[in-house]
Protein backbone atom coordinates (compact mmCIF):
# COMPACT_ATOMS: atom_id res chain seq x y z
CA MET A 1 0.27 -0.08 0.02
CA GLU A 2 1.31 3.38 -0.86
CA PHE A 3 0.02 6.77 -0.89
CA ASN A 4 1.01 9.55 -3.24
CA GLY A 5 -1.23 12.60 -2.89
CA ASP A 6 -4.81 11.63 -3.21
CA VAL A 7 -4.19 8.41 -5.01
CA LEU A 8 -3.41 4.92 -2.95
CA THR A 9 -2.02 2.27 -4.93
CA ILE A 10 -2.32 -1.18 -3.51
CA ASP A 11 -1.42 -4.88 -4.70
CA SER A 12 -4.03 -7.30 -6.41
CA SER A 13 -2.35 -10.19 -4.43
CA MET A 14 -3.65 -8.93 -0.83
CA SER A 15 -4.42 -11.54 1.63
CA MET A 16 -7.50 -11.71 3.54
CA GLU A 17 -5.61 -10.52 6.61
CA GLU A 18 -4.21 -7.57 4.61
CA ILE A 19 -7.75 -6.58 2.90
CA MET A 20 -9.07 -6.32 6.65
CA GLU A 21 -6.08 -4.02 7.67
CA PHE A 22 -6.48 -1.92 4.31
CA GLU A 23 -10.06 -1.78 4.91
CA ASN A 24 -9.51 -0.37 8.75
CA PHE A 25 -7.06 1.83 7.52
CA ILE A 26 -9.42 3.55 4.12
CA ARG A 27 -12.58 3.87 5.92
CA PRO A 28 -11.68 6.90 7.94
CA ARG A 29 -9.70 8.39 5.03
CA LEU A 30 -11.85 7.55 2.18
CA GLU A 31 -13.09 11.73 1.79
CA TYR A 32 -9.21 12.40 1.21
CA ILE A 33 -8.72 9.93 -1.46
CA GLU A 34 -9.80 10.55 -5.42
CA MET A 35 -8.21 7.11 -6.75
CA ILE A 36 -7.51 3.77 -6.05
CA GLU A 37 -4.70 2.22 -8.16
CA VAL A 38 -4.65 -1.62 -8.19
CA VAL A 39 -1.25 -3.08 -9.30
CA GLU A 40 -1.79 -6.07 -10.78
CA GLU A 41 1.85 -7.74 -10.05
CA GLY A 42 0.34 -11.04 -8.58
CA ALA A 43 -2.69 -13.42 -8.76
CA LEU A 44 -5.88 -11.96 -7.57
CA LYS A 45 -5.97 -14.12 -4.00
CA CYS A 46 -9.28 -13.37 -2.35
CA SER A 47 -12.65 -12.06 -4.03
CA ALA A 48 -13.05 -9.91 -0.89
CA LEU A 49 -10.78 -7.26 -2.23
CA LEU A 50 -13.44 -6.86 -5.14
CA SER A 51 -16.11 -6.69 -2.80
CA LEU A 52 -14.68 -4.22 -0.56
CA LEU A 53 -13.38 -1.58 -3.71
CA SER A 54 -17.17 -2.16 -4.96
CA SER A 55 -18.48 -1.06 -1.69
CA LEU A 56 -16.08 1.67 -1.41
CA LYS A 57 -17.01 2.79 -4.89
CA ARG A 58 -20.81 2.67 -3.96
CA THR A 59 -19.95 4.65 -0.52
CA LYS A 60 -18.12 7.56 -2.82
CA SER A 61 -19.37 7.52 -6.06
CA ASP A 62 -16.58 10.12 -7.53
CA LEU A 63 -13.81 7.26 -6.40
CA ALA A 64 -11.86 6.34 -9.42
CA ILE A 65 -11.26 2.64 -9.55
CA PRO A 66 -9.90 1.80 -12.86
CA PHE A 67 -8.98 -1.78 -11.96
CA LEU A 68 -13.17 -2.03 -11.32
CA ASP A 69 -13.91 -0.49 -14.62
CA LYS A 70 -11.83 -3.19 -16.62
CA ARG A 71 -14.52 -5.87 -15.17
CA ALA A 72 -11.74 -8.66 -16.08
CA VAL A 73 -8.33 -9.68 -14.62
CA SER A 74 -5.75 -12.20 -16.35
CA SER A 75 -4.82 -15.28 -13.60
CA PRO A 76 -1.94 -17.53 -14.51
CA GLU A 77 -3.50 -20.09 -12.35
CA TYR A 78 -7.09 -19.12 -13.00
CA GLY A 79 -7.18 -17.64 -16.60
CA THR A 80 -9.43 -14.69 -17.04
CA ILE A 81 -11.57 -13.75 -14.33
CA HIS A 82 -14.66 -11.47 -15.17
CA TRP A 83 -16.60 -9.66 -12.95
CA ILE A 84 -20.17 -7.21 -12.83
CA CYS A 85 -20.18 -4.07 -10.87
CA HIS A 86 -24.08 -3.15 -9.88
CA ASP A 87 -24.09 0.86 -9.89
C-alpha cells in the first residue's frame, strides 16, 4: 500500500488479513482519497478485495478505481476472471 497525494496504490495479491487491514485504514480516510490504483503484479488471491473496492465505490461514487472498470483480470492459475459491478 502506497500513498501518493490523493492516490492510493495497492497490490491485487493482498491476503484476507491484508484486506481487513486495508479496510480499517481506508474507511476513516475515504474522503481524502480520489483514486485507488490496483497494481496487478500477483494473482488475485481473494474475491474480498473486489467486494471491498465495490463497496468503497458505492460509498463514494466519485472515487476512481480503474481496476473495477476493467471488469476482468488475467490470472496465471485461473485464466481470465470477469466480474459485474452494479451501480
